[in-house]
PDB file of N, CA and C in Angstrom:
ATOM      1  N   MET A   1      18.475   1.452   8.242  1.00  0.00           N
ATOM      2  CA  MET A   1      19.819   1.464   7.734  1.00  0.00           C
ATOM      3  C   MET A   1      19.790   0.947   6.298  1.00  0.00           C
ATOM      4  N   SER A   2      20.573   1.536   5.380  1.00  0.00           N
ATOM      5  CA  SER A   2      20.642   1.127   3.981  1.00  0.00           C
ATOM      6  C   SER A   2      22.086   0.859   3.597  1.00  0.00           C
ATOM      7  N   ASP A   3      22.281  -0.036   2.612  1.00  0.00           N
ATOM      8  CA  ASP A   3      23.633  -0.253   2.109  1.00  0.00           C
ATOM      9  C   ASP A   3      23.898   0.717   0.964  1.00  0.00           C
ATOM     10  N   GLN A   4      25.015   0.540   0.273  1.00  0.00           N
ATOM     11  CA  GLN A   4      25.398   1.454  -0.804  1.00  0.00           C
ATOM     12  C   GLN A   4      24.381   1.482  -1.931  1.00  0.00           C
ATOM     13  N   ASP A   5      23.673   0.383  -2.159  1.00  0.00           N
ATOM     14  CA  ASP A   5      22.686   0.310  -3.228  1.00  0.00           C
ATOM     15  C   ASP A   5      21.307   0.765  -2.763  1.00  0.00           C
ATOM     16  N   GLY A   6      21.201   1.222  -1.535  1.00  0.00           N
ATOM     17  CA  GLY A   6      19.929   1.685  -1.016  1.00  0.00           C
ATOM     18  C   GLY A   6      19.037   0.572  -0.494  1.00  0.00           C
ATOM     19  N   LYS A   7      19.553  -0.664  -0.423  1.00  0.00           N
ATOM     20  CA  LYS A   7      18.766  -1.772   0.105  1.00  0.00           C
ATOM     21  C   LYS A   7      18.617  -1.604   1.608  1.00  0.00           C
ATOM     22  N   GLU A   8      17.440  -1.938   2.076  1.00  0.00           N
ATOM     23  CA  GLU A   8      17.201  -1.857   3.511  1.00  0.00           C
ATOM     24  C   GLU A   8      17.921  -3.001   4.205  1.00  0.00           C
ATOM     25  N   LEU A   9      18.680  -2.661   5.209  1.00  0.00           N
ATOM     26  CA  LEU A   9      19.378  -3.652   6.002  1.00  0.00           C
ATOM     27  C   LEU A   9      18.771  -3.666   7.394  1.00  0.00           C
ATOM     28  N   ALA A  10      18.699  -4.825   7.977  1.00  0.00           N
ATOM     29  CA  ALA A  10      18.165  -4.930   9.333  1.00  0.00           C
ATOM     30  C   ALA A  10      19.332  -5.087  10.289  1.00  0.00           C
ATOM     31  N   GLU A  11      19.281  -4.370  11.359  1.00  0.00           N
ATOM     32  CA  GLU A  11      20.304  -4.492  12.371  1.00  0.00           C
ATOM     33  C   GLU A  11      19.711  -5.239  13.544  1.00  0.00           C
ATOM     34  N   GLU A  12      20.322  -6.326  13.886  1.00  0.00           N
ATOM     35  CA  GLU A  12      19.866  -7.181  14.968  1.00  0.00           C
ATOM     36  C   GLU A  12      21.033  -7.390  15.926  1.00  0.00           C
ATOM     37  N   SER A  13      20.756  -7.992  17.044  1.00  0.00           N
ATOM     38  CA  SER A  13      21.801  -8.393  17.968  1.00  0.00           C
ATOM     39  C   SER A  13      21.758  -9.898  18.092  1.00  0.00           C
ATOM     40  N   ASP A  14      22.935 -10.511  18.121  1.00  0.00           N
ATOM     41  CA  ASP A  14      22.945 -11.961  18.305  1.00  0.00           C
ATOM     42  C   ASP A  14      22.892 -12.272  19.796  1.00  0.00           C
ATOM     43  N   SER A  15      22.940 -13.550  20.139  1.00  0.00           N
ATOM     44  CA  SER A  15      22.795 -13.962  21.529  1.00  0.00           C
ATOM     45  C   SER A  15      23.933 -13.452  22.410  1.00  0.00           C
ATOM     46  N   ARG A  16      25.033 -13.052  21.802  1.00  0.00           N
ATOM     47  CA  ARG A  16      26.165 -12.522  22.556  1.00  0.00           C
ATOM     48  C   ARG A  16      26.096 -10.999  22.651  1.00  0.00           C
ATOM     49  N   GLY A  17      25.022 -10.407  22.090  1.00  0.00           N
ATOM     50  CA  GLY A  17      24.862  -8.961  22.149  1.00  0.00           C
ATOM     51  C   GLY A  17      25.603  -8.219  21.056  1.00  0.00           C
ATOM     52  N   GLU A  18      26.233  -8.970  20.132  1.00  0.00           N
ATOM     53  CA  GLU A  18      26.950  -8.335  19.038  1.00  0.00           C
ATOM     54  C   GLU A  18      25.961  -7.948  17.946  1.00  0.00           C
ATOM     55  N   SER A  19      26.213  -6.828  17.301  1.00  0.00           N
ATOM     56  CA  SER A  19      25.309  -6.336  16.271  1.00  0.00           C
ATOM     57  C   SER A  19      25.488  -7.128  14.980  1.00  0.00           C
ATOM     58  N   LEU A  20      24.363  -7.509  14.379  1.00  0.00           N
ATOM     59  CA  LEU A  20      24.353  -8.202  13.089  1.00  0.00           C
ATOM     60  C   LEU A  20      23.635  -7.319  12.085  1.00  0.00           C
ATOM     61  N   THR A  21      24.127  -7.265  10.853  1.00  0.00           N
ATOM     62  CA  THR A  21      23.442  -6.535   9.807  1.00  0.00           C
ATOM     63  C   THR A  21      23.190  -7.501   8.668  1.00  0.00           C
ATOM     64  N   LEU A  22      21.927  -7.630   8.290  1.00  0.00           N
ATOM     65  CA  LEU A  22      21.553  -8.562   7.232  1.00  0.00           C
ATOM     66  C   LEU A  22      20.867  -7.835   6.090  1.00  0.00           C
ATOM     67  N   ASP A  23      21.183  -8.253   4.879  1.00  0.00           N
ATOM     68  CA  ASP A  23      20.475  -7.810   3.689  1.00  0.00           C
ATOM     69  C   ASP A  23      19.458  -8.910   3.387  1.00  0.00           C
ATOM     70  N   TYR A  24      18.225  -8.701   3.828  1.00  0.00           N
ATOM     71  CA  TYR A  24      17.211  -9.742   3.688  1.00  0.00           C
ATOM     72  C   TYR A  24      16.870 -10.041   2.230  1.00  0.00           C
ATOM     73  N   SER A  25      17.200  -9.145   1.328  1.00  0.00           N
ATOM     74  CA  SER A  25      16.889  -9.390  -0.085  1.00  0.00           C
ATOM     75  C   SER A  25      17.745 -10.494  -0.684  1.00  0.00           C
ATOM     76  N   GLN A  26      18.785 -10.927   0.020  1.00  0.00           N
ATOM     77  CA  GLN A  26      19.647 -11.991  -0.498  1.00  0.00           C
ATOM     78  C   GLN A  26      19.024 -13.380  -0.319  1.00  0.00           C
ATOM     79  N   PHE A  27      17.934 -13.463   0.415  1.00  0.00           N
ATOM     80  CA  PHE A  27      17.288 -14.744   0.674  1.00  0.00           C
ATOM     81  C   PHE A  27      16.060 -14.905  -0.216  1.00  0.00           C
ATOM     82  N   ASP A  28      15.768 -16.148  -0.558  1.00  0.00           N
ATOM     83  CA  ASP A  28      14.601 -16.452  -1.376  1.00  0.00           C
ATOM     84  C   ASP A  28      13.813 -17.575  -0.695  1.00  0.00           C
ATOM     85  N   PRO A  29      13.213 -17.266   0.465  1.00  0.00           N
ATOM     86  CA  PRO A  29      12.508 -18.323   1.198  1.00  0.00           C
ATOM     87  C   PRO A  29      11.178 -18.665   0.552  1.00  0.00           C
ATOM     88  N   PRO A  30      10.666 -19.858   0.859  1.00  0.00           N
ATOM     89  CA  PRO A  30       9.334 -20.194   0.368  1.00  0.00           C
ATOM     90  C   PRO A  30       8.316 -19.266   1.036  1.00  0.00           C
ATOM     91  N   LYS A  31       7.485 -18.658   0.242  1.00  0.00           N
ATOM     92  CA  LYS A  31       6.573 -17.646   0.781  1.00  0.00           C
ATOM     93  C   LYS A  31       5.220 -18.216   1.164  1.00  0.00           C
ATOM     94  N   ASP A  32       4.919 -19.401   0.721  1.00  0.00           N
ATOM     95  CA  ASP A  32       3.581 -19.932   0.958  1.00  0.00           C
ATOM     96  C   ASP A  32       3.585 -21.368   1.469  1.00  0.00           C
ATOM     97  N   LEU A  33       4.661 -21.757   2.166  1.00  0.00           N
ATOM     98  CA  LEU A  33       4.710 -23.104   2.731  1.00  0.00           C
ATOM     99  C   LEU A  33       4.527 -23.042   4.243  1.00  0.00           C
ATOM    100  N   THR A  34       3.810 -24.008   4.755  1.00  0.00           N
ATOM    101  CA  THR A  34       3.666 -24.118   6.201  1.00  0.00           C
ATOM    102  C   THR A  34       4.898 -24.830   6.765  1.00  0.00           C
ATOM    103  N   GLY A  35       5.062 -24.769   8.060  1.00  0.00           N
ATOM    104  CA  GLY A  35       6.141 -25.504   8.715  1.00  0.00           C
ATOM    105  C   GLY A  35       6.019 -26.994   8.469  1.00  0.00           C
ATOM    106  N   PHE A  36       4.780 -27.493   8.483  1.00  0.00           N
ATOM    107  CA  PHE A  36       4.539 -28.906   8.221  1.00  0.00           C
ATOM    108  C   PHE A  36       5.008 -29.282   6.816  1.00  0.00           C
ATOM    109  N   GLN A  37       4.728 -28.433   5.837  1.00  0.00           N
ATOM    110  CA  GLN A  37       5.147 -28.715   4.463  1.00  0.00           C
ATOM    111  C   GLN A  37       6.672 -28.682   4.339  1.00  0.00           C
ATOM    112  N   ARG A  38       7.319 -27.770   5.047  1.00  0.00           N
ATOM    113  CA  ARG A  38       8.791 -27.749   5.026  1.00  0.00           C
ATOM    114  C   ARG A  38       9.340 -29.027   5.654  1.00  0.00           C
ATOM    115  N   ASP A  39       8.707 -29.492   6.727  1.00  0.00           N
ATOM    116  CA  ASP A  39       9.146 -30.751   7.338  1.00  0.00           C
ATOM    117  C   ASP A  39       8.938 -31.926   6.388  1.00  0.00           C
ATOM    118  N   LEU A  40       7.845 -31.922   5.635  1.00  0.00           N
ATOM    119  CA  LEU A  40       7.627 -32.962   4.626  1.00  0.00           C
ATOM    120  C   LEU A  40       8.770 -32.977   3.617  1.00  0.00           C
ATOM    121  N   LEU A  41       9.161 -31.794   3.144  1.00  0.00           N
ATOM    122  CA  LEU A  41      10.267 -31.719   2.187  1.00  0.00           C
ATOM    123  C   LEU A  41      11.562 -32.255   2.788  1.00  0.00           C
ATOM    124  N   LYS A  42      11.796 -31.965   4.057  1.00  0.00           N
ATOM    125  CA  LYS A  42      13.012 -32.443   4.718  1.00  0.00           C
ATOM    126  C   LYS A  42      13.009 -33.971   4.807  1.00  0.00           C
ATOM    127  N   VAL A  43      11.855 -34.555   5.120  1.00  0.00           N
ATOM    128  CA  VAL A  43      11.752 -36.019   5.163  1.00  0.00           C
ATOM    129  C   VAL A  43      12.042 -36.589   3.776  1.00  0.00           C
ATOM    130  N   LEU A  44      11.486 -35.981   2.738  1.00  0.00           N
ATOM    131  CA  LEU A  44      11.706 -36.484   1.373  1.00  0.00           C
ATOM    132  C   LEU A  44      13.150 -36.289   0.934  1.00  0.00           C
ATOM    133  N   TYR A  45      13.819 -35.286   1.473  1.00  0.00           N
ATOM    134  CA  TYR A  45      15.232 -35.063   1.156  1.00  0.00           C
ATOM    135  C   TYR A  45      16.089 -36.202   1.723  1.00  0.00           C
ATOM    136  N   VAL A  46      15.721 -36.677   2.911  1.00  0.00           N
ATOM    137  CA  VAL A  46      16.512 -37.705   3.591  1.00  0.00           C
ATOM    138  C   VAL A  46      16.153 -39.113   3.114  1.00  0.00           C
ATOM    139  N   GLU A  47      14.862 -39.378   2.965  1.00  0.00           N
ATOM    140  CA  GLU A  47      14.409 -40.714   2.578  1.00  0.00           C
ATOM    141  C   GLU A  47      14.491 -40.880   1.062  1.00  0.00           C
ATOM    142  N   GLU A  48      14.741 -42.092   0.625  1.00  0.00           N
ATOM    143  CA  GLU A  48      14.841 -42.346  -0.811  1.00  0.00           C
ATOM    144  C   GLU A  48      13.531 -42.894  -1.349  1.00  0.00           C
ATOM    145  N   GLU A  49      12.777 -42.057  -2.017  1.00  0.00           N
ATOM    146  CA  GLU A  49      11.498 -42.388  -2.648  1.00  0.00           C
ATOM    147  C   GLU A  49      10.561 -43.179  -1.723  1.00  0.00           C
ATOM    148  N   PRO A  50      10.237 -42.588  -0.569  1.00  0.00           N
ATOM    149  CA  PRO A  50       9.354 -43.295   0.357  1.00  0.00           C
ATOM    150  C   PRO A  50       7.913 -43.330  -0.148  1.00  0.00           C
ATOM    151  N   ILE A  51       7.190 -44.347   0.296  1.00  0.00           N
ATOM    152  CA  ILE A  51       5.749 -44.369   0.037  1.00  0.00           C
ATOM    153  C   ILE A  51       5.083 -43.525   1.124  1.00  0.00           C
ATOM    154  N   GLY A  52       3.817 -43.210   0.931  1.00  0.00           N
ATOM    155  CA  GLY A  52       3.112 -42.334   1.858  1.00  0.00           C
ATOM    156  C   GLY A  52       3.160 -42.795   3.303  1.00  0.00           C
ATOM    157  N   LEU A  53       3.002 -44.095   3.542  1.00  0.00           N
ATOM    158  CA  LEU A  53       3.018 -44.596   4.911  1.00  0.00           C
ATOM    159  C   LEU A  53       4.393 -44.446   5.559  1.00  0.00           C
ATOM    160  N   GLU A  54       5.461 -44.510   4.768  1.00  0.00           N
ATOM    161  CA  GLU A  54       6.807 -44.287   5.314  1.00  0.00           C
ATOM    162  C   GLU A  54       7.009 -42.813   5.672  1.00  0.00           C
ATOM    163  N   VAL A  55       6.453 -41.924   4.868  1.00  0.00           N
ATOM    164  CA  VAL A  55       6.499 -40.494   5.174  1.00  0.00           C
ATOM    165  C   VAL A  55       5.736 -40.245   6.466  1.00  0.00           C
ATOM    166  N   LYS A  56       4.557 -40.855   6.572  1.00  0.00           N
ATOM    167  CA  LYS A  56       3.734 -40.705   7.775  1.00  0.00           C
ATOM    168  C   LYS A  56       4.485 -41.195   9.006  1.00  0.00           C
ATOM    169  N   LYS A  57       5.132 -42.343   8.907  1.00  0.00           N
ATOM    170  CA  LYS A  57       5.873 -42.906  10.040  1.00  0.00           C
ATOM    171  C   LYS A  57       6.988 -41.958  10.482  1.00  0.00           C
ATOM    172  N   ALA A  58       7.713 -41.400   9.525  1.00  0.00           N
ATOM    173  CA  ALA A  58       8.794 -40.460   9.862  1.00  0.00           C
ATOM    174  C   ALA A  58       8.243 -39.227  10.576  1.00  0.00           C
ATOM    175  N   LEU A  59       7.115 -38.710  10.091  1.00  0.00           N
ATOM    176  CA  LEU A  59       6.517 -37.529  10.717  1.00  0.00           C
ATOM    177  C   LEU A  59       5.906 -37.861  12.074  1.00  0.00           C
ATOM    178  N   ASP A  60       5.341 -39.062  12.221  1.00  0.00           N
ATOM    179  CA  ASP A  60       4.842 -39.503  13.525  1.00  0.00           C
ATOM    180  C   ASP A  60       5.981 -39.466  14.552  1.00  0.00           C
ATOM    181  N   GLU A  61       7.155 -39.960  14.150  1.00  0.00           N
ATOM    182  CA  GLU A  61       8.319 -39.963  15.041  1.00  0.00           C
ATOM    183  C   GLU A  61       8.794 -38.536  15.321  1.00  0.00           C
ATOM    184  N   LEU A  62       8.855 -37.725  14.282  1.00  0.00           N
ATOM    185  CA  LEU A  62       9.323 -36.351  14.439  1.00  0.00           C
ATOM    186  C   LEU A  62       8.423 -35.555  15.376  1.00  0.00           C
ATOM    187  N   TYR A  63       7.127 -35.629  15.155  1.00  0.00           N
ATOM    188  CA  TYR A  63       6.167 -34.851  15.944  1.00  0.00           C
ATOM    189  C   TYR A  63       5.737 -35.556  17.240  1.00  0.00           C
ATOM    190  N   ARG A  64       6.124 -36.832  17.360  1.00  0.00           N
ATOM    191  CA  ARG A  64       5.755 -37.633  18.527  1.00  0.00           C
ATOM    192  C   ARG A  64       4.240 -37.681  18.741  1.00  0.00           C
ATOM    193  N   GLU A  65       3.546 -37.764  17.626  1.00  0.00           N
ATOM    194  CA  GLU A  65       2.088 -37.924  17.634  1.00  0.00           C
ATOM    195  C   GLU A  65       1.669 -38.532  16.314  1.00  0.00           C
ATOM    196  N   ASP A  66       0.458 -39.059  16.291  1.00  0.00           N
ATOM    197  CA  ASP A  66      -0.066 -39.676  15.081  1.00  0.00           C
ATOM    198  C   ASP A  66      -0.492 -38.595  14.091  1.00  0.00           C
ATOM    199  N   ILE A  67       0.114 -38.604  12.917  1.00  0.00           N
ATOM    200  CA  ILE A  67      -0.237 -37.647  11.865  1.00  0.00           C
ATOM    201  C   ILE A  67      -1.430 -38.203  11.096  1.00  0.00           C
ATOM    202  N   ASN A  68      -2.483 -37.434  11.074  1.00  0.00           N
ATOM    203  CA  ASN A  68      -3.727 -37.816  10.420  1.00  0.00           C
ATOM    204  C   ASN A  68      -3.538 -37.871   8.904  1.00  0.00           C
ATOM    205  N   HIS A  69      -4.099 -38.900   8.269  1.00  0.00           N
ATOM    206  CA  HIS A  69      -4.026 -39.021   6.808  1.00  0.00           C
ATOM    207  C   HIS A  69      -4.631 -37.800   6.125  1.00  0.00           C
ATOM    208  N   GLY A  70      -5.664 -37.223   6.736  1.00  0.00           N
ATOM    209  CA  GLY A  70      -6.325 -36.042   6.191  1.00  0.00           C
ATOM    210  C   GLY A  70      -5.446 -34.795   6.241  1.00  0.00           C
ATOM    211  N   ARG A  71      -4.395 -34.860   7.013  1.00  0.00           N
ATOM    212  CA  ARG A  71      -3.410 -33.764   7.043  1.00  0.00           C
ATOM    213  C   ARG A  71      -2.256 -34.067   6.088  1.00  0.00           C
ATOM    214  N   LEU A  72      -1.802 -35.301   6.088  1.00  0.00           N
ATOM    215  CA  LEU A  72      -0.619 -35.688   5.311  1.00  0.00           C
ATOM    216  C   LEU A  72      -0.842 -35.611   3.800  1.00  0.00           C
ATOM    217  N   TYR A  73      -1.839 -36.328   3.309  1.00  0.00           N
ATOM    218  CA  TYR A  73      -1.967 -36.484   1.859  1.00  0.00           C
ATOM    219  C   TYR A  73      -2.358 -35.196   1.127  1.00  0.00           C
ATOM    220  N   PRO A  74      -3.225 -34.349   1.678  1.00  0.00           N
ATOM    221  CA  PRO A  74      -3.474 -33.067   0.997  1.00  0.00           C
ATOM    222  C   PRO A  74      -2.221 -32.188   0.921  1.00  0.00           C
ATOM    223  N   ASN A  75      -1.378 -32.261   1.954  1.00  0.00           N
ATOM    224  CA  ASN A  75      -0.138 -31.483   1.926  1.00  0.00           C
ATOM    225  C   ASN A  75       0.860 -32.054   0.921  1.00  0.00           C
ATOM    226  N   LEU A  76       0.933 -33.367   0.808  1.00  0.00           N
ATOM    227  CA  LEU A  76       1.780 -33.973  -0.223  1.00  0.00           C
ATOM    228  C   LEU A  76       1.278 -33.570  -1.611  1.00  0.00           C
ATOM    229  N   ASP A  77      -0.036 -33.602  -1.805  1.00  0.00           N
ATOM    230  CA  ASP A  77      -0.604 -33.204  -3.101  1.00  0.00           C
ATOM    231  C   ASP A  77      -0.305 -31.742  -3.413  1.00  0.00           C
ATOM    232  N   GLU A  78      -0.403 -30.882  -2.413  1.00  0.00           N
ATOM    233  CA  GLU A  78      -0.116 -29.458  -2.631  1.00  0.00           C
ATOM    234  C   GLU A  78       1.351 -29.244  -3.017  1.00  0.00           C
ATOM    235  N   LEU A  79       2.256 -29.947  -2.346  1.00  0.00           N
ATOM    236  CA  LEU A  79       3.672 -29.833  -2.689  1.00  0.00           C
ATOM    237  C   LEU A  79       3.938 -30.370  -4.091  1.00  0.00           C
ATOM    238  N   ASN A  80       3.222 -31.412  -4.480  1.00  0.00           N
ATOM    239  CA  ASN A  80       3.331 -31.945  -5.836  1.00  0.00           C
ATOM    240  C   ASN A  80       2.838 -30.904  -6.848  1.00  0.00           C
ATOM    241  N   ASN A  81       1.707 -30.280  -6.561  1.00  0.00           N
ATOM    242  CA  ASN A  81       1.158 -29.251  -7.459  1.00  0.00           C
ATOM    243  C   ASN A  81       2.077 -28.044  -7.592  1.00  0.00           C
ATOM    244  N   LYS A  82       2.861 -27.764  -6.560  1.00  0.00           N
ATOM    245  CA  LYS A  82       3.801 -26.631  -6.595  1.00  0.00           C
ATOM    246  C   LYS A  82       5.121 -27.012  -7.260  1.00  0.00           C
ATOM    247  N   GLY A  83       5.254 -28.282  -7.631  1.00  0.00           N
ATOM    248  CA  GLY A  83       6.485 -28.730  -8.291  1.00  0.00           C
ATOM    249  C   GLY A  83       7.639 -28.978  -7.341  1.00  0.00           C
ATOM    250  N   LEU A  84       7.344 -29.153  -6.052  1.00  0.00           N
ATOM    251  CA  LEU A  84       8.401 -29.361  -5.066  1.00  0.00           C
ATOM    252  C   LEU A  84       8.672 -30.835  -4.791  1.00  0.00           C
ATOM    253  N   LEU A  85       7.763 -31.682  -5.229  1.00  0.00           N
ATOM    254  CA  LEU A  85       7.978 -33.119  -5.149  1.00  0.00           C
ATOM    255  C   LEU A  85       7.300 -33.792  -6.335  1.00  0.00           C
ATOM    256  N   ASP A  86       7.776 -34.980  -6.642  1.00  0.00           N
ATOM    257  CA  ASP A  86       7.160 -35.811  -7.673  1.00  0.00           C
ATOM    258  C   ASP A  86       6.436 -36.954  -6.987  1.00  0.00           C
ATOM    259  N   LYS A  87       5.280 -37.275  -7.508  1.00  0.00           N
ATOM    260  CA  LYS A  87       4.446 -38.355  -6.980  1.00  0.00           C
ATOM    261  C   LYS A  87       4.369 -39.434  -8.050  1.00  0.00           C
ATOM    262  N   ARG A  88       4.677 -40.684  -7.662  1.00  0.00           N
ATOM    263  CA  ARG A  88       4.657 -41.794  -8.604  1.00  0.00           C
ATOM    264  C   ARG A  88       3.769 -42.901  -8.066  1.00  0.00           C
ATOM    265  N   LYS A  89       2.892 -43.387  -8.918  1.00  0.00           N
ATOM    266  CA  LYS A  89       1.969 -44.469  -8.537  1.00  0.00           C
ATOM    267  C   LYS A  89       2.751 -45.783  -8.481  1.00  0.00           C
ATOM    268  N   VAL A  90       2.697 -46.442  -7.327  1.00  0.00           N
ATOM    269  CA  VAL A  90       3.359 -47.736  -7.143  1.00  0.00           C
ATOM    270  C   VAL A  90       2.377 -48.860  -7.440  1.00  0.00           C
ATOM    271  N   ASP A  91       1.162 -48.744  -6.915  1.00  0.00           N
ATOM    272  CA  ASP A  91       0.076 -49.682  -7.215  1.00  0.00           C
ATOM    273  C   ASP A  91      -1.248 -48.942  -7.033  1.00  0.00           C
ATOM    274  N   GLU A  92      -2.348 -49.669  -7.010  1.00  0.00           N
ATOM    275  CA  GLU A  92      -3.674 -49.036  -6.939  1.00  0.00           C
ATOM    276  C   GLU A  92      -3.846 -48.091  -5.754  1.00  0.00           C
ATOM    277  N   ARG A  93      -3.225 -48.415  -4.631  1.00  0.00           N
ATOM    278  CA  ARG A  93      -3.444 -47.632  -3.409  1.00  0.00           C
ATOM    279  C   ARG A  93      -2.204 -46.929  -2.886  1.00  0.00           C
ATOM    280  N   THR A  94      -1.080 -47.093  -3.554  1.00  0.00           N
ATOM    281  CA  THR A  94       0.185 -46.614  -2.996  1.00  0.00           C
ATOM    282  C   THR A  94       0.899 -45.679  -3.963  1.00  0.00           C
ATOM    283  N   ASN A  95       1.388 -44.576  -3.421  1.00  0.00           N
ATOM    284  CA  ASN A  95       2.234 -43.647  -4.180  1.00  0.00           C
ATOM    285  C   ASN A  95       3.572 -43.512  -3.474  1.00  0.00           C
ATOM    286  N   SER A  96       4.603 -43.242  -4.259  1.00  0.00           N
ATOM    287  CA  SER A  96       5.899 -42.899  -3.682  1.00  0.00           C
ATOM    288  C   SER A  96       6.183 -41.445  -4.028  1.00  0.00           C
ATOM    289  N   TYR A  97       7.091 -40.839  -3.277  1.00  0.00           N
ATOM    290  CA  TYR A  97       7.349 -39.404  -3.399  1.00  0.00           C
ATOM    291  C   TYR A  97       8.846 -39.151  -3.455  1.00  0.00           C
ATOM    292  N   THR A  98       9.228 -38.201  -4.297  1.00  0.00           N
ATOM    293  CA  THR A  98      10.626 -37.799  -4.441  1.00  0.00           C
ATOM    294  C   THR A  98      10.693 -36.284  -4.493  1.00  0.00           C
ATOM    295  N   ILE A  99      11.630 -35.715  -3.753  1.00  0.00           N
ATOM    296  CA  ILE A  99      11.805 -34.270  -3.789  1.00  0.00           C
ATOM    297  C   ILE A  99      12.392 -33.875  -5.144  1.00  0.00           C
ATOM    298  N   THR A 100      11.947 -32.761  -5.696  1.00  0.00           N
ATOM    299  CA  THR A 100      12.456 -32.277  -6.985  1.00  0.00           C
ATOM    300  C   THR A 100      13.631 -31.319  -6.756  1.00  0.00           C
ATOM    301  N   LYS A 101      14.278 -30.925  -7.840  1.00  0.00           N
ATOM    302  CA  LYS A 101      15.353 -29.929  -7.734  1.00  0.00           C
ATOM    303  C   LYS A 101      14.821 -28.630  -7.146  1.00  0.00           C
ATOM    304  N   ARG A 102      13.612 -28.277  -7.535  1.00  0.00           N
ATOM    305  CA  ARG A 102      13.001 -27.063  -6.987  1.00  0.00           C
ATOM    306  C   ARG A 102      12.771 -27.214  -5.480  1.00  0.00           C
ATOM    307  N   GLY A 103      12.359 -28.390  -5.040  1.00  0.00           N
ATOM    308  CA  GLY A 103      12.176 -28.654  -3.615  1.00  0.00           C
ATOM    309  C   GLY A 103      13.488 -28.558  -2.855  1.00  0.00           C
ATOM    310  N   VAL A 104      14.561 -29.075  -3.445  1.00  0.00           N
ATOM    311  CA  VAL A 104      15.883 -28.982  -2.824  1.00  0.00           C
ATOM    312  C   VAL A 104      16.301 -27.510  -2.728  1.00  0.00           C
ATOM    313  N   TYR A 105      16.022 -26.731  -3.782  1.00  0.00           N
ATOM    314  CA  TYR A 105      16.346 -25.301  -3.763  1.00  0.00           C
ATOM    315  C   TYR A 105      15.639 -24.597  -2.601  1.00  0.00           C
ATOM    316  N   VAL A 106      14.371 -24.931  -2.382  1.00  0.00           N
ATOM    317  CA  VAL A 106      13.610 -24.338  -1.275  1.00  0.00           C
ATOM    318  C   VAL A 106      14.294 -24.644   0.057  1.00  0.00           C
ATOM    319  N   LEU A 107      14.702 -25.897   0.251  1.00  0.00           N
ATOM    320  CA  LEU A 107      15.384 -26.263   1.489  1.00  0.00           C
ATOM    321  C   LEU A 107      16.727 -25.557   1.623  1.00  0.00           C
ATOM    322  N   GLU A 108      17.449 -25.436   0.525  1.00  0.00           N
ATOM    323  CA  GLU A 108      18.737 -24.721   0.561  1.00  0.00           C
ATOM    324  C   GLU A 108      18.549 -23.269   0.971  1.00  0.00           C
ATOM    325  N   GLN A 109      17.512 -22.629   0.445  1.00  0.00           N
ATOM    326  CA  GLN A 109      17.240 -21.233   0.792  1.00  0.00           C
ATOM    327  C   GLN A 109      16.850 -21.097   2.266  1.00  0.00           C
ATOM    328  N   GLU A 110      16.066 -22.029   2.752  1.00  0.00           N
ATOM    329  CA  GLU A 110      15.690 -21.984   4.162  1.00  0.00           C
ATOM    330  C   GLU A 110      16.918 -22.171   5.056  1.00  0.00           C
ATOM    331  N   LYS A 111      17.789 -23.097   4.676  1.00  0.00           N
ATOM    332  CA  LYS A 111      19.015 -23.330   5.454  1.00  0.00           C
ATOM    333  C   LYS A 111      19.901 -22.094   5.423  1.00  0.00           C
ATOM    334  N   LYS A 112      20.027 -21.483   4.276  1.00  0.00           N
ATOM    335  CA  LYS A 112      20.839 -20.273   4.144  1.00  0.00           C
ATOM    336  C   LYS A 112      20.323 -19.173   5.074  1.00  0.00           C
ATOM    337  N   PHE A 113      19.012 -18.979   5.101  1.00  0.00           N
ATOM    338  CA  PHE A 113      18.419 -17.964   5.963  1.00  0.00           C
ATOM    339  C   PHE A 113      18.616 -18.316   7.434  1.00  0.00           C
ATOM    340  N   THR A 114      18.395 -19.575   7.783  1.00  0.00           N
ATOM    341  CA  THR A 114      18.562 -20.009   9.176  1.00  0.00           C
ATOM    342  C   THR A 114      20.008 -19.839   9.615  1.00  0.00           C
ATOM    343  N   ASP A 115      20.945 -20.248   8.768  1.00  0.00           N
ATOM    344  CA  ASP A 115      22.367 -20.114   9.114  1.00  0.00           C
ATOM    345  C   ASP A 115      22.750 -18.650   9.324  1.00  0.00           C
ATOM    346  N   ALA A 116      22.211 -17.779   8.476  1.00  0.00           N
ATOM    347  CA  ALA A 116      22.553 -16.352   8.571  1.00  0.00           C
ATOM    348  C   ALA A 116      21.928 -15.678   9.794  1.00  0.00           C
ATOM    349  N   THR A 117      20.778 -16.163  10.206  1.00  0.00           N
ATOM    350  CA  THR A 117      20.079 -15.487  11.297  1.00  0.00           C
ATOM    351  C   THR A 117      20.350 -16.096  12.672  1.00  0.00           C
ATOM    352  N   VAL A 118      20.440 -17.404  12.770  1.00  0.00           N
ATOM    353  CA  VAL A 118      20.692 -18.003  14.075  1.00  0.00           C
ATOM    354  C   VAL A 118      22.013 -18.743  14.148  1.00  0.00           C
ATOM    355  N   GLY A 119      22.642 -18.960  13.006  1.00  0.00           N
ATOM    356  CA  GLY A 119      23.973 -19.563  12.971  1.00  0.00           C
ATOM    357  C   GLY A 119      24.095 -20.822  13.803  1.00  0.00           C
ATOM    358  N   ASP A 120      25.135 -20.861  14.617  1.00  0.00           N
ATOM    359  CA  ASP A 120      25.390 -22.031  15.435  1.00  0.00           C
ATOM    360  C   ASP A 120      24.589 -22.051  16.724  1.00  0.00           C
ATOM    361  N   PHE A 121      23.843 -20.987  16.980  1.00  0.00           N
ATOM    362  CA  PHE A 121      22.967 -20.827  18.131  1.00  0.00           C
ATOM    363  C   PHE A 121      23.608 -21.367  19.355  1.00  0.00           C
TER     364      PHE A 121
END
């Protein structure tokens, strides 16, 4: 199915069996982030400049398991390299993290897509 501009539209059914038509080109989701990285951004959105151990604690609670440092810190570094968070040295062994405007934009786009596709579920 196409709209007036020739854009491909997807026709889906919602949980009530009603037909939904979406123009997927209206969304700008992160194309190269893992679910874990999106969860990291969400933690940074809620917490105010947490240090790495505070981020780890939040994710430990969220996932109900111990998050390995070898998983956490490389993902924080990757998000920093992508410009989605800022990393600030607190002392010799400690960094704090803050989500950037670009990181907030990524979360907004994900929320927009989720709201459009699953709504109030």
